[in-house]
Amino acid sequence: MTPQVTKGHGTANDFVLVEDPHAQQAIPAETVHALTDRRRGIGADGLIRVVRSTALAEGDEHVAHADEAVAAGATWFMDYRNADGSIAQMCGNGVRVFAHYLVTRGLADPASPVLVGTRGGVKTVTLVPDPTGGSAPWYRVDMGVWRMPLPETDAGAAADAVVTTSDQDVARPAVSVDMGNPHTVVALPDLQQLIGADLAVAPVVQPVPADGTNVEFIVVDADGDGDPRTGTLRMRVHERGVGETMACGTGACAAALAARFWAGPDGPVDWTVEQPGGPVRVEIEGPRVFLSGPAVLVADATLLPQG
């Protein structure tokens, strides 16, 4: 593969980006794992291949999604891999970093929405003002249609799974959220339990999801700002194929959707999700959800031959 790579992050959820416009580079799982290793490699939660949608050949694992991207006018496709080399459908922080990479490299116009092909469908990414007053550019992503297996009815009975962590003997009820990739959200009663949760070991989810799942632990701010449409929650996440990460974009969306579900149909629809890596904004608009947050490119690097 090319020796030139770029390191970037969105709220400290970090990635190695490899530009491969003509889809000429096969990046096997062991290479992904080596590059994302935090002691022997560059270090990251995942790897993103920047590839033209039209360049994905027949027989490639992305072909159906690439055809969709081409039909929608998405010039670029985000080929995302978890740190262990496994393929992931989507990454909310990653797609912002991907769009920022395109804008920074002159491959996309920041004055217009950027269409990005992903395995979770085509995402529209727009440059927006930073509500926190920081220096990093913020991007708003139309994350598409969300799904929950439970109907939005009796929130008091809203659980379709239970989750156990190594530091807790008691299994806690949880709700599943499909954001193009799978999530399981657990509400904790207070901040101390959120801080003390052991996420060094993968939580045990029952029933066991067929394709694994990301697990979010949240605490909802009960006070708020007095506006019933807005809410704030704190979150930690264990990502499948990675471990605990500083932030998760699709996880933040899943957390906000679960919190609103538990609050009932009149619950908040505009959420600030505080994560160890920083805050993001999640807006729920009917069947669709939007994620806004920062994107940063840290460095370009040249890989040295190993031998």
Protein backbone atom coordinates (compact mmCIF):
# COMPACT_ATOMS: atom_id res chain seq x y z
CA MET A 1 0.00 0.00 0.00
CA THR A 2 1.00 3.64 -0.38
CA PRO A 3 3.47 4.87 2.25
CA GLN A 4 1.53 8.14 2.62
CA VAL A 5 -1.17 8.23 5.31
CA THR A 6 -2.97 10.88 7.36
CA LYS A 7 -4.00 10.87 11.03
CA GLY A 8 -7.27 12.56 12.04
CA HIS A 9 -9.91 12.50 14.74
CA GLY A 10 -13.43 13.58 15.63
CA THR A 11 -13.84 14.21 19.39
CA ALA A 12 -10.73 12.04 19.96
CA ASN A 13 -12.21 9.10 18.04
CA ASP A 14 -9.14 8.72 15.82
CA PHE A 15 -8.42 7.27 12.40
CA VAL A 16 -5.68 6.54 9.90
CA LEU A 17 -6.74 7.72 6.43
CA VAL A 18 -5.33 6.14 3.26
CA GLU A 19 -6.05 7.83 -0.06
CA ASP A 20 -6.70 5.24 -2.76
CA PRO A 21 -8.83 7.01 -5.40
CA HIS A 22 -8.62 4.25 -8.01
CA ALA A 23 -9.19 1.33 -5.61
CA GLN A 24 -5.80 -0.16 -6.39
CA GLN A 25 -4.80 -1.10 -2.86
CA ALA A 26 -5.93 -4.14 -0.95
CA ILE A 27 -5.58 -3.48 2.77
CA PRO A 28 -5.84 -6.79 4.63
CA ALA A 29 -7.00 -7.03 8.23
CA GLU A 30 -3.48 -7.62 9.53
CA THR A 31 -2.28 -4.36 7.91
CA VAL A 32 -5.17 -2.44 9.46
CA HIS A 33 -4.38 -3.93 12.84
CA ALA A 34 -0.67 -3.10 12.50
CA LEU A 35 -1.28 0.52 11.50
CA THR A 36 -3.83 1.16 14.25
CA ASP A 37 -1.72 -0.47 16.98
CA ARG A 38 -1.00 2.25 19.56
CA ARG A 39 2.46 0.99 20.45
CA ARG A 40 3.79 -0.60 17.28
CA GLY A 41 1.91 1.44 14.69
CA ILE A 42 0.45 4.91 14.25
CA GLY A 43 -2.41 4.25 16.62
CA ALA A 44 -6.12 4.71 15.90
CA ASP A 45 -9.61 3.36 16.55
CA GLY A 46 -9.98 2.54 12.86
CA LEU A 47 -8.73 2.94 9.30
CA ILE A 48 -10.48 4.82 6.49
CA ARG A 49 -9.71 4.20 2.82
CA VAL A 50 -10.59 7.23 0.65
CA VAL A 51 -11.75 5.76 -2.65
CA ARG A 52 -13.82 6.93 -5.63
CA SER A 53 -17.22 5.25 -5.72
CA THR A 54 -16.87 4.57 -9.46
CA ALA A 55 -13.53 2.82 -8.93
CA LEU A 56 -14.89 0.00 -6.80
CA ALA A 57 -14.68 -3.01 -9.08
CA GLU A 58 -17.29 -5.70 -9.71
CA GLY A 59 -16.93 -8.35 -7.06
CA ASP A 60 -15.65 -5.91 -4.43
CA GLU A 61 -17.42 -6.28 -1.09
CA HIS A 62 -18.72 -2.72 -1.42
CA VAL A 63 -20.19 -3.03 -4.90
CA ALA A 64 -23.88 -2.75 -4.03
CA HIS A 65 -23.20 0.25 -1.83
CA ALA A 66 -20.89 1.79 -4.42
CA ASP A 67 -23.61 1.55 -7.06
CA GLU A 68 -25.94 3.34 -4.67
CA ALA A 69 -23.31 6.01 -4.06
CA VAL A 70 -22.71 6.55 -7.78
CA ALA A 71 -26.46 6.79 -8.44
CA ALA A 72 -26.80 9.40 -5.68
CA GLY A 73 -23.89 11.47 -6.99
CA ALA A 74 -21.47 10.61 -4.18
CA THR A 75 -18.03 10.85 -5.79
CA TRP A 76 -16.21 9.42 -2.76
CA PHE A 77 -16.75 6.25 -0.73
CA MET A 78 -15.63 5.78 2.89
CA ASP A 79 -14.20 2.28 3.26
CA TYR A 80 -14.08 1.99 7.05
CA ARG A 81 -12.37 -0.76 9.07
CA ASN A 82 -12.31 -1.24 12.84
CA ALA A 83 -8.93 -1.43 14.55
CA ASP A 84 -9.00 -5.24 14.50
CA GLY A 85 -9.43 -5.17 10.72
CA SER A 86 -13.11 -6.08 10.71
CA ILE A 87 -15.42 -4.20 8.33
CA ALA A 88 -17.90 -1.70 9.81
CA GLN A 89 -21.00 -0.28 8.18
CA MET A 90 -20.67 3.30 9.35
CA CYS A 91 -18.84 5.68 11.68
CA GLY A 92 -20.38 9.04 12.58
CA ASN A 93 -17.12 10.60 13.71
CA GLY A 94 -15.25 8.99 10.84
CA VAL A 95 -17.54 10.39 8.16
CA ARG A 96 -16.95 13.94 9.47
CA VAL A 97 -13.19 13.40 9.38
CA PHE A 98 -13.57 11.88 5.90
CA ALA A 99 -15.46 14.96 4.65
CA HIS A 100 -12.90 17.27 6.27
CA TYR A 101 -10.12 15.35 4.51
CA LEU A 102 -11.87 15.84 1.16
CA VAL A 103 -12.36 19.56 1.81
CA THR A 104 -8.78 20.06 3.01
CA ARG A 105 -7.33 18.23 -0.01
CA GLY A 106 -9.47 20.20 -2.46
CA LEU A 107 -11.50 17.11 -3.37
CA ALA A 108 -14.80 18.62 -2.20
CA ASP A 109 -16.30 22.11 -2.03
CA PRO A 110 -16.93 23.25 1.57
CA ALA A 111 -19.59 25.68 0.33
CA SER A 112 -21.79 22.76 -0.78
CA PRO A 113 -23.02 19.62 0.97
CA VAL A 114 -20.59 16.72 0.56
CA LEU A 115 -22.13 13.36 -0.36
CA VAL A 116 -20.23 10.40 1.07
CA GLY A 117 -20.86 6.78 0.15
CA THR A 118 -20.75 4.33 3.06
CA ARG A 119 -21.86 0.78 3.73
CA GLY A 120 -24.66 2.33 5.76
CA GLY A 121 -25.91 4.34 2.77
CA VAL A 122 -25.07 7.75 1.33
CA LYS A 123 -24.51 10.45 3.97
CA THR A 124 -24.83 14.19 3.38
CA VAL A 125 -22.23 16.22 5.29
CA THR A 126 -22.41 20.02 5.67
CA LEU A 127 -19.93 22.47 7.18
CA VAL A 128 -21.64 24.33 10.07
CA PRO A 129 -20.62 26.93 12.70
CA ASP A 130 -19.03 25.58 15.87
CA PRO A 131 -21.52 26.20 18.72
CA THR A 132 -18.77 25.79 21.34
CA GLY A 133 -16.57 28.57 19.92
CA GLY A 134 -13.62 26.24 19.38
CA SER A 135 -11.05 26.30 16.59
CA ALA A 136 -11.90 22.99 14.86
CA PRO A 137 -14.42 23.02 11.99
CA TRP A 138 -17.78 21.41 12.70
CA TYR A 139 -19.71 19.24 10.26
CA ARG A 140 -23.38 18.19 10.38
CA VAL A 141 -24.16 14.72 9.06
CA ASP A 142 -27.55 13.44 7.96
CA MET A 143 -27.18 10.00 9.53
CA GLY A 144 -30.32 8.74 7.83
CA VAL A 145 -33.20 6.67 9.12
CA TRP A 146 -32.82 5.07 12.54
CA ARG A 147 -34.56 1.90 13.67
CA MET A 148 -35.52 0.36 16.99
CA PRO A 149 -37.00 -3.11 17.42
CA LEU A 150 -39.33 -1.86 20.14
CA PRO A 151 -42.35 0.29 19.23
CA GLU A 152 -42.52 3.79 20.70
CA THR A 153 -45.25 2.95 23.17
CA ASP A 154 -44.75 1.96 26.80
CA ALA A 155 -41.31 3.34 27.62
CA GLY A 156 -41.52 1.80 31.09
CA ALA A 157 -41.18 -1.64 29.51
CA ALA A 158 -38.63 -0.56 26.91
CA ALA A 159 -35.92 -3.19 27.05
CA ASP A 160 -35.06 -5.90 24.56
CA ALA A 161 -31.68 -6.94 26.03
CA VAL A 162 -29.70 -7.08 29.26
CA VAL A 163 -26.06 -6.09 29.70
CA THR A 164 -23.52 -7.17 32.31
CA THR A 165 -20.07 -5.64 32.92
CA SER A 166 -17.18 -7.26 34.76
CA ASP A 167 -17.61 -4.92 37.74
CA GLN A 168 -21.36 -5.58 38.15
CA ASP A 169 -23.07 -8.82 39.11
CA VAL A 170 -26.47 -7.45 38.12
CA ALA A 171 -27.57 -7.46 34.47
CA ARG A 172 -29.03 -4.13 33.45
CA PRO A 173 -31.89 -3.67 30.98
CA ALA A 174 -30.97 -2.15 27.62
CA VAL A 175 -32.53 -1.14 24.34
CA SER A 176 -31.20 -1.83 20.83
CA VAL A 177 -30.82 0.91 18.23
CA ASP A 178 -29.92 0.32 14.57
CA MET A 179 -27.89 3.20 13.12
CA GLY A 180 -26.70 1.23 10.10
CA ASN A 181 -24.47 -0.47 12.65
CA PRO A 182 -25.79 -2.10 15.85
CA HIS A 183 -25.97 -0.43 19.26
CA THR A 184 -27.17 -1.44 22.70
CA VAL A 185 -27.84 1.41 25.15
CA VAL A 186 -27.86 1.09 28.94
CA ALA A 187 -29.08 3.85 31.27
CA LEU A 188 -27.24 4.17 34.60
CA PRO A 189 -28.70 5.95 37.64
CA ASP A 190 -25.82 8.30 38.42
CA LEU A 191 -22.51 9.70 37.21
CA GLN A 192 -20.43 7.71 39.69
CA GLN A 193 -21.63 4.44 38.21
CA LEU A 194 -20.85 5.74 34.72
CA ILE A 195 -17.33 6.75 35.77
CA GLY A 196 -16.75 3.47 37.59
CA ALA A 197 -18.03 1.11 34.87
CA ASP A 198 -15.31 -1.32 33.72
CA LEU A 199 -15.21 -1.11 29.92
CA ALA A 200 -11.75 -2.61 29.57
CA VAL A 201 -13.55 -5.92 29.10
CA ALA A 202 -16.32 -6.24 26.52
CA PRO A 203 -19.77 -6.09 28.17
CA VAL A 204 -21.85 -9.25 27.90
CA VAL A 205 -25.09 -8.67 25.98
CA GLN A 206 -28.01 -11.11 26.13
CA PRO A 207 -29.41 -12.20 23.78
CA VAL A 208 -26.09 -12.29 21.96
CA PRO A 209 -26.28 -10.09 18.81
CA ALA A 210 -25.51 -12.03 15.63
CA ASP A 211 -23.02 -9.43 14.35
CA GLY A 212 -21.85 -8.09 17.71
CA THR A 213 -22.83 -4.67 19.00
CA ASN A 214 -21.49 -1.37 20.31
CA VAL A 215 -22.56 -0.81 23.92
CA GLU A 216 -23.29 2.68 25.25
CA PHE A 217 -23.65 3.51 28.93
CA ILE A 218 -25.43 6.80 29.60
CA VAL A 219 -26.56 9.10 32.38
CA VAL A 220 -29.21 11.67 31.50
CA ASP A 221 -29.00 15.16 33.01
CA ALA A 222 -32.28 15.37 34.88
CA ASP A 223 -32.14 19.15 35.38
CA GLY A 224 -31.60 20.42 31.84
CA ASP A 225 -32.09 24.03 30.81
CA GLY A 226 -35.84 24.19 31.18
CA ASP A 227 -36.50 23.69 27.47
CA PRO A 228 -38.45 20.43 26.98
CA ARG A 229 -37.06 20.06 23.46
CA THR A 230 -33.41 19.94 24.57
CA GLY A 231 -31.54 17.45 26.70
CA THR A 232 -28.03 16.60 27.86
CA LEU A 233 -26.53 13.22 28.58
CA ARG A 234 -23.11 11.78 29.35
CA MET A 235 -21.88 8.66 27.61
CA ARG A 236 -19.13 6.06 27.56
CA VAL A 237 -18.91 3.42 24.86
CA HIS A 238 -17.34 0.03 24.19
CA GLU A 239 -17.06 -0.39 20.41
CA ARG A 240 -17.07 -3.84 18.83
CA GLY A 241 -13.73 -4.70 17.34
CA VAL A 242 -12.01 -1.81 19.17
CA GLY A 243 -12.73 -1.58 22.91
CA GLU A 244 -13.55 1.58 24.82
CA THR A 245 -13.13 4.69 22.68
CA MET A 246 -13.14 8.37 23.58
CA ALA A 247 -16.25 8.94 21.47
CA CYS A 248 -18.60 7.26 19.02
CA GLY A 249 -20.73 9.21 16.55
CA THR A 250 -23.34 6.58 15.75
CA GLY A 251 -23.26 5.68 19.45
CA ALA A 252 -24.07 9.26 20.42
CA CYS A 253 -27.06 9.14 18.07
CA ALA A 254 -28.16 5.80 19.52
CA ALA A 255 -27.81 7.16 23.05
CA ALA A 256 -29.94 10.22 22.29
CA LEU A 257 -32.57 8.10 20.55
CA ALA A 258 -32.74 5.69 23.49
CA ALA A 259 -32.98 8.56 26.00
CA ARG A 260 -35.81 10.14 24.05
CA PHE A 261 -37.52 6.75 23.74
CA TRP A 262 -37.42 6.27 27.48
CA ALA A 263 -38.68 9.83 28.00
CA GLY A 264 -41.69 9.17 25.75
CA PRO A 265 -42.96 10.83 22.55
CA ASP A 266 -42.73 14.30 24.12
CA GLY A 267 -39.10 13.82 25.16
CA PRO A 268 -36.22 16.03 23.96
CA VAL A 269 -35.27 15.93 20.29
CA ASP A 270 -32.14 18.14 20.44
CA TRP A 271 -29.41 16.56 22.55
CA THR A 272 -25.93 17.47 23.68
CA VAL A 273 -23.98 14.26 24.19
CA GLU A 274 -20.93 14.68 26.42
CA GLN A 275 -18.23 12.05 25.85
CA PRO A 276 -14.67 11.73 27.19
CA GLY A 277 -13.42 13.09 23.85
CA GLY A 278 -15.79 16.08 23.80
CA PRO A 279 -19.39 17.06 23.04
CA VAL A 280 -21.47 16.47 19.93
CA ARG A 281 -24.98 17.55 19.01
CA VAL A 282 -27.70 15.08 18.00
CA GLU A 283 -30.95 16.29 16.41
CA ILE A 284 -33.89 13.92 16.00
CA GLU A 285 -36.21 14.92 13.18
CA GLY A 286 -38.92 12.29 12.92
CA PRO A 287 -37.46 9.14 11.34
CA ARG A 288 -34.08 10.78 10.68
CA VAL A 289 -31.24 11.81 12.97
CA PHE A 290 -28.48 14.38 12.47
CA LEU A 291 -25.05 14.45 14.12
CA SER A 292 -22.85 17.57 14.43
CA GLY A 293 -19.33 17.71 15.77
CA PRO A 294 -15.71 18.69 15.10
CA ALA A 295 -13.22 17.13 12.69
CA VAL A 296 -9.44 17.53 12.90
CA LEU A 297 -6.54 16.38 10.73
CA VAL A 298 -3.48 15.95 12.95
CA ALA A 299 -0.61 14.96 10.68
CA ASP A 300 0.56 13.44 7.42
CA ALA A 301 2.94 10.53 7.81
CA THR A 302 5.21 8.42 5.65
CA LEU A 303 5.35 4.73 6.42
CA LEU A 304 8.82 3.20 6.43
CA PRO A 305 9.45 -0.24 4.91
CA GLN A 306 9.60 -3.03 7.44
CA GLY A 307 12.14 -5.78 7.16
